[in-house]
Amino acid sequence: MFRGFLCAIVIAALVAVAGAQSWPPRLVGSFPAPPGAWDVAYEYRWLYVLTDGTPPRVYQLTTTGSTNASFPVPVPAGARGIACNGFQPDRMFISNRLNGYIYKLTMEGSLLSSFLCPVGSPYGLGFSEYYPPHGEGLFASCRDQNLILRLNDTTGSLLSSFAGPSTAVVAFDDFFAGDRYARYLYWNYYIDWRVLDTLPARVYGVGTRVEWPIDQTVYLYVLCGNAYIYQYFGWTAVAPASLGRVKALYR
């Protein structure tokens, strides 16, 4: 009886908190991206935006779009995706859609190693630091195969893969994705792919940070083909299946 009573209290508390949440994430702002931008990564207080060229360049921006620093990276032309791991030591990953390689660098842009993407040409990159539906680690979007690959970030070996939300996935980070032929921002927050929002232009890249475990706070930046970055924010204290977990805990 006590366990059932305690379970009811916990569930009521979770539902009460859920009423004050901001979920799903919603658009809260936008600002111009650097010219020629292809992908964006968010690592704590900085955005890292990749531009292609000879050589490609990375811009470190504030979360309001001001440039704090920029530097060239020793990667061949054809750079397409960027991700940052957030662990110690911090590392940056850049994909090249022309030669199929993914490059591992320091956060200052010094090359450490590289490996060949095991399936197709990598487009957008993402790095999940916690445990979204598909695990943690480095993710590469392969447009031509419409596959998102989860890779070993040291060797490049394939750990798992899953289909993108439509026909030609070009960006994925945590729960969020973009497709080559759509202006939709997709997400799969412990459910099948759904459309979260429709943007003014096609999605080129997504950069996300998800804070756990007390609640789930999402900071999301979406780079679009109109050279703008769109900022989303949301938080929830009740994850899907949380009520089921509480019931199981106090069964």
C-alpha atoms as a PDB file:
ATOM      1  CA  MET A   1       0.000   0.000   0.000  1.00  0.00           C
ATOM      2  CA  PHE A   2       2.821   2.395   0.929  1.00  0.00           C
ATOM      3  CA  ARG A   3       4.563   1.813  -2.387  1.00  0.00           C
ATOM      4  CA  GLY A   4       1.344   2.490  -4.289  1.00  0.00           C
ATOM      5  CA  PHE A   5       0.770   5.661  -2.262  1.00  0.00           C
ATOM      6  CA  LEU A   6       4.339   6.847  -2.840  1.00  0.00           C
ATOM      7  CA  CYS A   7       4.074   6.081  -6.545  1.00  0.00           C
ATOM      8  CA  ALA A   8       0.924   8.207  -6.766  1.00  0.00           C
ATOM      9  CA  ILE A   9       2.679  11.115  -5.026  1.00  0.00           C
ATOM     10  CA  VAL A  10       5.678  10.937  -7.358  1.00  0.00           C
ATOM     11  CA  ILE A  11       3.499  10.750 -10.472  1.00  0.00           C
ATOM     12  CA  ALA A  12       1.421  13.718  -9.292  1.00  0.00           C
ATOM     13  CA  ALA A  13       4.597  15.725  -8.705  1.00  0.00           C
ATOM     14  CA  LEU A  14       5.926  14.896 -12.154  1.00  0.00           C
ATOM     15  CA  VAL A  15       2.681  15.876 -13.819  1.00  0.00           C
ATOM     16  CA  ALA A  16       2.601  19.164 -11.873  1.00  0.00           C
ATOM     17  CA  VAL A  17       6.128  20.015 -12.985  1.00  0.00           C
ATOM     18  CA  ALA A  18       5.315  19.028 -16.557  1.00  0.00           C
ATOM     19  CA  GLY A  19       2.612  21.661 -16.596  1.00  0.00           C
ATOM     20  CA  ALA A  20       5.273  24.382 -16.226  1.00  0.00           C
ATOM     21  CA  GLN A  21       7.655  22.990 -18.815  1.00  0.00           C
ATOM     22  CA  SER A  22       8.539  24.411 -22.229  1.00  0.00           C
ATOM     23  CA  TRP A  23       8.233  21.349 -24.414  1.00  0.00           C
ATOM     24  CA  PRO A  24       8.686  20.569 -27.243  1.00  0.00           C
ATOM     25  CA  PRO A  25      11.546  22.997 -27.987  1.00  0.00           C
ATOM     26  CA  ARG A  26      10.401  26.172 -29.730  1.00  0.00           C
ATOM     27  CA  LEU A  27      11.979  28.891 -31.834  1.00  0.00           C
ATOM     28  CA  VAL A  28      13.350  31.746 -29.722  1.00  0.00           C
ATOM     29  CA  GLY A  29      15.619  33.685 -32.092  1.00  0.00           C
ATOM     30  CA  SER A  30      17.780  33.838 -35.214  1.00  0.00           C
ATOM     31  CA  PHE A  31      20.909  35.546 -36.568  1.00  0.00           C
ATOM     32  CA  PRO A  32      23.064  35.516 -39.727  1.00  0.00           C
ATOM     33  CA  ALA A  33      25.631  32.755 -40.221  1.00  0.00           C
ATOM     34  CA  PRO A  34      29.129  33.310 -41.635  1.00  0.00           C
ATOM     35  CA  PRO A  35      29.174  33.295 -45.459  1.00  0.00           C
ATOM     36  CA  GLY A  36      29.482  29.826 -46.967  1.00  0.00           C
ATOM     37  CA  ALA A  37      28.414  28.003 -43.785  1.00  0.00           C
ATOM     38  CA  TRP A  38      27.560  24.299 -44.068  1.00  0.00           C
ATOM     39  CA  ASP A  39      27.162  22.969 -40.531  1.00  0.00           C
ATOM     40  CA  VAL A  40      27.011  24.072 -36.915  1.00  0.00           C
ATOM     41  CA  ALA A  41      27.999  22.490 -33.592  1.00  0.00           C
ATOM     42  CA  TYR A  42      27.149  23.746 -30.111  1.00  0.00           C
ATOM     43  CA  GLU A  43      29.538  23.072 -27.278  1.00  0.00           C
ATOM     44  CA  TYR A  44      28.579  24.707 -23.993  1.00  0.00           C
ATOM     45  CA  ARG A  45      28.784  28.486 -24.511  1.00  0.00           C
ATOM     46  CA  TRP A  46      30.202  28.472 -28.048  1.00  0.00           C
ATOM     47  CA  LEU A  47      28.894  27.714 -31.505  1.00  0.00           C
ATOM     48  CA  TYR A  48      31.318  26.285 -34.072  1.00  0.00           C
ATOM     49  CA  VAL A  49      30.341  26.958 -37.683  1.00  0.00           C
ATOM     50  CA  LEU A  50      32.094  25.244 -40.588  1.00  0.00           C
ATOM     51  CA  THR A  51      32.610  26.980 -43.931  1.00  0.00           C
ATOM     52  CA  ASP A  52      34.074  25.285 -46.990  1.00  0.00           C
ATOM     53  CA  GLY A  53      36.895  26.804 -49.012  1.00  0.00           C
ATOM     54  CA  THR A  54      40.619  26.479 -49.667  1.00  0.00           C
ATOM     55  CA  PRO A  55      41.205  25.822 -46.874  1.00  0.00           C
ATOM     56  CA  PRO A  56      37.921  25.298 -44.969  1.00  0.00           C
ATOM     57  CA  ARG A  57      37.441  27.539 -41.946  1.00  0.00           C
ATOM     58  CA  VAL A  58      35.784  27.262 -38.539  1.00  0.00           C
ATOM     59  CA  TYR A  59      34.129  30.227 -36.838  1.00  0.00           C
ATOM     60  CA  GLN A  60      33.650  30.306 -33.087  1.00  0.00           C
ATOM     61  CA  LEU A  61      30.499  32.306 -32.357  1.00  0.00           C
ATOM     62  CA  THR A  62      28.632  33.399 -29.282  1.00  0.00           C
ATOM     63  CA  THR A  63      25.077  32.111 -28.940  1.00  0.00           C
ATOM     64  CA  THR A  64      23.863  35.464 -30.330  1.00  0.00           C
ATOM     65  CA  GLY A  65      25.978  35.221 -33.493  1.00  0.00           C
ATOM     66  CA  SER A  66      28.973  37.424 -32.687  1.00  0.00           C
ATOM     67  CA  THR A  67      32.316  36.102 -33.954  1.00  0.00           C
ATOM     68  CA  ASN A  68      34.774  35.392 -31.143  1.00  0.00           C
ATOM     69  CA  ALA A  69      37.459  33.726 -33.279  1.00  0.00           C
ATOM     70  CA  SER A  70      38.027  31.986 -36.604  1.00  0.00           C
ATOM     71  CA  PHE A  71      40.757  29.717 -37.915  1.00  0.00           C
ATOM     72  CA  PRO A  72      41.549  27.590 -40.967  1.00  0.00           C
ATOM     73  CA  VAL A  73      41.529  23.807 -40.601  1.00  0.00           C
ATOM     74  CA  PRO A  74      43.903  21.367 -42.378  1.00  0.00           C
ATOM     75  CA  VAL A  75      41.139  19.585 -44.283  1.00  0.00           C
ATOM     76  CA  PRO A  76      40.766  19.377 -48.093  1.00  0.00           C
ATOM     77  CA  ALA A  77      38.067  21.362 -49.870  1.00  0.00           C
ATOM     78  CA  GLY A  78      34.737  19.585 -49.635  1.00  0.00           C
ATOM     79  CA  ALA A  79      34.315  20.015 -45.865  1.00  0.00           C
ATOM     80  CA  ARG A  80      30.670  19.486 -44.958  1.00  0.00           C
ATOM     81  CA  GLY A  81      30.000  18.563 -41.312  1.00  0.00           C
ATOM     82  CA  ILE A  82      31.273  19.539 -37.877  1.00  0.00           C
ATOM     83  CA  ALA A  83      30.776  18.113 -34.380  1.00  0.00           C
ATOM     84  CA  CYS A  84      32.396  18.612 -30.958  1.00  0.00           C
ATOM     85  CA  ASN A  85      32.534  15.906 -28.322  1.00  0.00           C
ATOM     86  CA  GLY A  86      32.372  17.886 -25.076  1.00  0.00           C
ATOM     87  CA  PHE A  87      34.434  15.323 -23.159  1.00  0.00           C
ATOM     88  CA  GLN A  88      37.924  15.794 -21.789  1.00  0.00           C
ATOM     89  CA  PRO A  89      39.982  16.276 -23.808  1.00  0.00           C
ATOM     90  CA  ASP A  90      37.635  18.214 -26.081  1.00  0.00           C
ATOM     91  CA  ARG A  91      37.817  17.249 -29.729  1.00  0.00           C
ATOM     92  CA  MET A  92      36.395  18.537 -33.001  1.00  0.00           C
ATOM     93  CA  PHE A  93      35.345  16.365 -35.955  1.00  0.00           C
ATOM     94  CA  ILE A  94      35.007  17.547 -39.566  1.00  0.00           C
ATOM     95  CA  SER A  95      33.653  15.477 -42.460  1.00  0.00           C
ATOM     96  CA  ASN A  96      34.582  15.745 -46.121  1.00  0.00           C
ATOM     97  CA  ARG A  97      31.848  14.796 -48.589  1.00  0.00           C
ATOM     98  CA  LEU A  98      34.261  14.554 -51.533  1.00  0.00           C
ATOM     99  CA  ASN A  99      36.902  12.145 -50.216  1.00  0.00           C
ATOM    100  CA  GLY A 100      34.708  10.384 -47.620  1.00  0.00           C
ATOM    101  CA  TYR A 101      37.005  11.075 -44.666  1.00  0.00           C
ATOM    102  CA  ILE A 102      36.260  12.309 -41.156  1.00  0.00           C
ATOM    103  CA  TYR A 103      39.012  14.330 -39.483  1.00  0.00           C
ATOM    104  CA  LYS A 104      39.646  14.521 -35.750  1.00  0.00           C
ATOM    105  CA  LEU A 105      41.142  17.801 -34.525  1.00  0.00           C
ATOM    106  CA  THR A 106      41.839  19.749 -31.378  1.00  0.00           C
ATOM    107  CA  MET A 107      39.399  22.543 -30.572  1.00  0.00           C
ATOM    108  CA  GLU A 108      42.010  24.965 -31.929  1.00  0.00           C
ATOM    109  CA  GLY A 109      42.054  23.220 -35.323  1.00  0.00           C
ATOM    110  CA  SER A 110      45.203  21.072 -35.159  1.00  0.00           C
ATOM    111  CA  LEU A 111      44.849  17.742 -36.957  1.00  0.00           C
ATOM    112  CA  LEU A 112      45.114  14.625 -34.771  1.00  0.00           C
ATOM    113  CA  SER A 113      43.941  11.778 -37.019  1.00  0.00           C
ATOM    114  CA  SER A 114      41.489  10.795 -39.751  1.00  0.00           C
ATOM    115  CA  PHE A 115      39.493   7.786 -40.874  1.00  0.00           C
ATOM    116  CA  LEU A 116      37.361   6.813 -43.846  1.00  0.00           C
ATOM    117  CA  CYS A 117      33.606   6.820 -43.329  1.00  0.00           C
ATOM    118  CA  PRO A 118      32.529   3.147 -43.594  1.00  0.00           C
ATOM    119  CA  VAL A 119      29.375   3.873 -45.629  1.00  0.00           C
ATOM    120  CA  GLY A 120      29.074   6.452 -48.400  1.00  0.00           C
ATOM    121  CA  SER A 121      30.045  10.103 -48.118  1.00  0.00           C
ATOM    122  CA  PRO A 122      29.562  11.829 -44.750  1.00  0.00           C
ATOM    123  CA  TYR A 123      27.604  15.059 -44.683  1.00  0.00           C
ATOM    124  CA  GLY A 124      26.514  16.562 -41.350  1.00  0.00           C
ATOM    125  CA  LEU A 125      28.065  15.345 -38.093  1.00  0.00           C
ATOM    126  CA  GLY A 126      26.752  15.231 -34.542  1.00  0.00           C
ATOM    127  CA  PHE A 127      28.021  14.076 -31.168  1.00  0.00           C
ATOM    128  CA  SER A 128      25.609  12.837 -28.500  1.00  0.00           C
ATOM    129  CA  GLU A 129      27.116  13.022 -25.034  1.00  0.00           C
ATOM    130  CA  TYR A 130      24.369  11.205 -23.171  1.00  0.00           C
ATOM    131  CA  TYR A 131      21.910   8.489 -24.142  1.00  0.00           C
ATOM    132  CA  PRO A 132      19.377   9.579 -26.749  1.00  0.00           C
ATOM    133  CA  PRO A 133      17.417   6.833 -28.523  1.00  0.00           C
ATOM    134  CA  HIS A 134      20.388   5.673 -30.569  1.00  0.00           C
ATOM    135  CA  GLY A 135      23.192   5.810 -27.995  1.00  0.00           C
ATOM    136  CA  GLU A 136      26.046   8.221 -27.421  1.00  0.00           C
ATOM    137  CA  GLY A 137      29.055   9.084 -29.572  1.00  0.00           C
ATOM    138  CA  LEU A 138      29.848  10.365 -33.052  1.00  0.00           C
ATOM    139  CA  PHE A 139      27.119  10.353 -35.712  1.00  0.00           C
ATOM    140  CA  ALA A 140      27.516  10.905 -39.465  1.00  0.00           C
ATOM    141  CA  SER A 141      24.686  11.602 -41.911  1.00  0.00           C
ATOM    142  CA  CYS A 142      25.084   9.859 -45.267  1.00  0.00           C
ATOM    143  CA  ARG A 143      22.790  11.635 -47.708  1.00  0.00           C
ATOM    144  CA  ASP A 144      22.932   9.242 -50.650  1.00  0.00           C
ATOM    145  CA  GLN A 145      22.070   6.212 -48.484  1.00  0.00           C
ATOM    146  CA  ASN A 146      19.646   8.142 -46.212  1.00  0.00           C
ATOM    147  CA  LEU A 147      21.471   6.615 -43.255  1.00  0.00           C
ATOM    148  CA  ILE A 148      22.709   7.991 -39.955  1.00  0.00           C
ATOM    149  CA  LEU A 149      25.804   6.131 -38.757  1.00  0.00           C
ATOM    150  CA  ARG A 150      26.982   5.811 -35.183  1.00  0.00           C
ATOM    151  CA  LEU A 151      30.767   5.513 -35.305  1.00  0.00           C
ATOM    152  CA  ASN A 152      33.687   4.801 -33.023  1.00  0.00           C
ATOM    153  CA  ASP A 153      35.249   8.257 -32.795  1.00  0.00           C
ATOM    154  CA  THR A 154      38.797   6.873 -32.718  1.00  0.00           C
ATOM    155  CA  THR A 155      38.789   4.167 -35.387  1.00  0.00           C
ATOM    156  CA  GLY A 156      35.729   5.105 -37.434  1.00  0.00           C
ATOM    157  CA  SER A 157      34.306   1.598 -37.160  1.00  0.00           C
ATOM    158  CA  LEU A 158      30.544   1.302 -37.584  1.00  0.00           C
ATOM    159  CA  LEU A 159      28.657   0.698 -34.326  1.00  0.00           C
ATOM    160  CA  SER A 160      25.088   0.985 -35.615  1.00  0.00           C
ATOM    161  CA  SER A 161      22.946   2.772 -38.194  1.00  0.00           C
ATOM    162  CA  PHE A 162      19.358   3.850 -38.758  1.00  0.00           C
ATOM    163  CA  ALA A 163      17.324   5.531 -41.483  1.00  0.00           C
ATOM    164  CA  GLY A 164      16.903   9.280 -41.750  1.00  0.00           C
ATOM    165  CA  PRO A 165      13.506  10.967 -41.486  1.00  0.00           C
ATOM    166  CA  SER A 166      12.792  11.264 -45.211  1.00  0.00           C
ATOM    167  CA  THR A 167      14.876  10.387 -48.295  1.00  0.00           C
ATOM    168  CA  ALA A 168      18.253  12.173 -48.037  1.00  0.00           C
ATOM    169  CA  VAL A 169      19.377  12.996 -44.492  1.00  0.00           C
ATOM    170  CA  VAL A 170      22.099  15.645 -44.307  1.00  0.00           C
ATOM    171  CA  ALA A 171      22.144  16.587 -40.618  1.00  0.00           C
ATOM    172  CA  PHE A 172      21.633  14.862 -37.264  1.00  0.00           C
ATOM    173  CA  ASP A 173      22.485  15.686 -33.662  1.00  0.00           C
ATOM    174  CA  ASP A 174      20.841  14.112 -30.604  1.00  0.00           C
ATOM    175  CA  PHE A 175      17.103  13.972 -31.461  1.00  0.00           C
ATOM    176  CA  PHE A 176      17.093  16.370 -34.414  1.00  0.00           C
ATOM    177  CA  ALA A 177      17.670  16.036 -38.176  1.00  0.00           C
ATOM    178  CA  GLY A 178      17.367  17.746 -41.549  1.00  0.00           C
ATOM    179  CA  ASP A 179      16.828  16.392 -45.067  1.00  0.00           C
ATOM    180  CA  ARG A 180      18.311  17.567 -48.377  1.00  0.00           C
ATOM    181  CA  TYR A 181      14.910  18.124 -49.998  1.00  0.00           C
ATOM    182  CA  ALA A 182      12.864  19.599 -47.165  1.00  0.00           C
ATOM    183  CA  ARG A 183      12.516  22.714 -45.026  1.00  0.00           C
ATOM    184  CA  TYR A 184      11.411  20.597 -42.084  1.00  0.00           C
ATOM    185  CA  LEU A 185      13.184  20.245 -38.765  1.00  0.00           C
ATOM    186  CA  TYR A 186      12.629  16.631 -37.765  1.00  0.00           C
ATOM    187  CA  TRP A 187      12.994  15.002 -34.365  1.00  0.00           C
ATOM    188  CA  ASN A 188      12.635  11.506 -32.892  1.00  0.00           C
ATOM    189  CA  TYR A 189      12.392  12.043 -29.163  1.00  0.00           C
ATOM    190  CA  TYR A 190      11.902   8.377 -28.194  1.00  0.00           C
ATOM    191  CA  ILE A 191       9.277   8.091 -30.915  1.00  0.00           C
ATOM    192  CA  ASP A 192       9.217   7.749 -34.697  1.00  0.00           C
ATOM    193  CA  TRP A 193      10.409  10.664 -36.793  1.00  0.00           C
ATOM    194  CA  ARG A 194       8.079  13.654 -36.563  1.00  0.00           C
ATOM    195  CA  VAL A 195       8.172  17.210 -37.950  1.00  0.00           C
ATOM    196  CA  LEU A 196       8.993  19.668 -35.181  1.00  0.00           C
ATOM    197  CA  ASP A 197       8.919  22.825 -37.286  1.00  0.00           C
ATOM    198  CA  THR A 198       8.996  24.219 -40.836  1.00  0.00           C
ATOM    199  CA  LEU A 199      11.865  26.619 -41.550  1.00  0.00           C
ATOM    200  CA  PRO A 200      12.268  29.382 -44.168  1.00  0.00           C
ATOM    201  CA  ALA A 201      14.911  27.385 -46.095  1.00  0.00           C
ATOM    202  CA  ARG A 202      16.373  23.882 -46.291  1.00  0.00           C
ATOM    203  CA  VAL A 203      18.205  22.634 -43.223  1.00  0.00           C
ATOM    204  CA  TYR A 204      21.988  22.375 -43.695  1.00  0.00           C
ATOM    205  CA  GLY A 205      23.098  21.531 -40.171  1.00  0.00           C
ATOM    206  CA  VAL A 206      21.987  21.135 -36.552  1.00  0.00           C
ATOM    207  CA  GLY A 207      23.943  21.609 -33.343  1.00  0.00           C
ATOM    208  CA  THR A 208      22.462  20.526 -30.024  1.00  0.00           C
ATOM    209  CA  ARG A 209      23.245  20.329 -26.358  1.00  0.00           C
ATOM    210  CA  VAL A 210      21.016  18.263 -24.076  1.00  0.00           C
ATOM    211  CA  GLU A 211      21.431  18.561 -20.307  1.00  0.00           C
ATOM    212  CA  TRP A 212      20.631  15.584 -18.088  1.00  0.00           C
ATOM    213  CA  PRO A 213      19.641  13.949 -15.773  1.00  0.00           C
ATOM    214  CA  ILE A 214      17.587  16.079 -13.350  1.00  0.00           C
ATOM    215  CA  ASP A 215      15.588  17.421 -16.249  1.00  0.00           C
ATOM    216  CA  GLN A 216      16.111  17.580 -19.998  1.00  0.00           C
ATOM    217  CA  THR A 217      17.100  21.028 -21.239  1.00  0.00           C
ATOM    218  CA  VAL A 218      17.655  21.362 -24.975  1.00  0.00           C
ATOM    219  CA  TYR A 219      19.670  24.099 -26.680  1.00  0.00           C
ATOM    220  CA  LEU A 220      19.307  23.688 -30.444  1.00  0.00           C
ATOM    221  CA  TYR A 221      20.809  25.676 -33.326  1.00  0.00           C
ATOM    222  CA  VAL A 222      19.671  25.034 -36.904  1.00  0.00           C
ATOM    223  CA  LEU A 223      21.683  26.302 -39.871  1.00  0.00           C
ATOM    224  CA  CYS A 224      19.606  26.851 -43.018  1.00  0.00           C
ATOM    225  CA  GLY A 225      20.291  27.475 -46.679  1.00  0.00           C
ATOM    226  CA  ASN A 226      19.344  31.138 -46.377  1.00  0.00           C
ATOM    227  CA  ALA A 227      22.552  31.654 -44.317  1.00  0.00           C
ATOM    228  CA  TYR A 228      20.694  32.075 -41.022  1.00  0.00           C
ATOM    229  CA  ILE A 229      20.979  30.153 -37.766  1.00  0.00           C
ATOM    230  CA  TYR A 230      17.731  29.539 -35.882  1.00  0.00           C
ATOM    231  CA  GLN A 231      17.792  29.057 -32.123  1.00  0.00           C
ATOM    232  CA  TYR A 232      15.422  26.724 -30.276  1.00  0.00           C
ATOM    233  CA  PHE A 233      15.026  26.113 -26.580  1.00  0.00           C
ATOM    234  CA  GLY A 234      13.011  23.698 -24.474  1.00  0.00           C
ATOM    235  CA  TRP A 235      13.015  21.803 -21.224  1.00  0.00           C
ATOM    236  CA  THR A 236      11.003  19.028 -19.680  1.00  0.00           C
ATOM    237  CA  ALA A 237      11.126  17.350 -16.293  1.00  0.00           C
ATOM    238  CA  VAL A 238       9.186  14.322 -17.523  1.00  0.00           C
ATOM    239  CA  ALA A 239      10.687  12.245 -20.295  1.00  0.00           C
ATOM    240  CA  PRO A 240       8.508   9.866 -22.292  1.00  0.00           C
ATOM    241  CA  ALA A 241       8.124   6.606 -20.388  1.00  0.00           C
ATOM    242  CA  SER A 242       9.056   8.336 -17.114  1.00  0.00           C
ATOM    243  CA  LEU A 243       5.709   7.518 -15.579  1.00  0.00           C
ATOM    244  CA  GLY A 244       6.205   3.904 -16.574  1.00  0.00           C
ATOM    245  CA  ARG A 245       9.625   3.915 -14.937  1.00  0.00           C
ATOM    246  CA  VAL A 246       8.190   5.350 -11.734  1.00  0.00           C
ATOM    247  CA  LYS A 247       5.439   2.739 -11.700  1.00  0.00           C
ATOM    248  CA  ALA A 248       8.002  -0.027 -12.221  1.00  0.00           C
ATOM    249  CA  LEU A 249      10.219   1.407  -9.499  1.00  0.00           C
ATOM    250  CA  TYR A 250       7.468   1.323  -6.896  1.00  0.00           C
ATOM    251  CA  ARG A 251       5.675  -1.795  -8.113  1.00  0.00           C
END
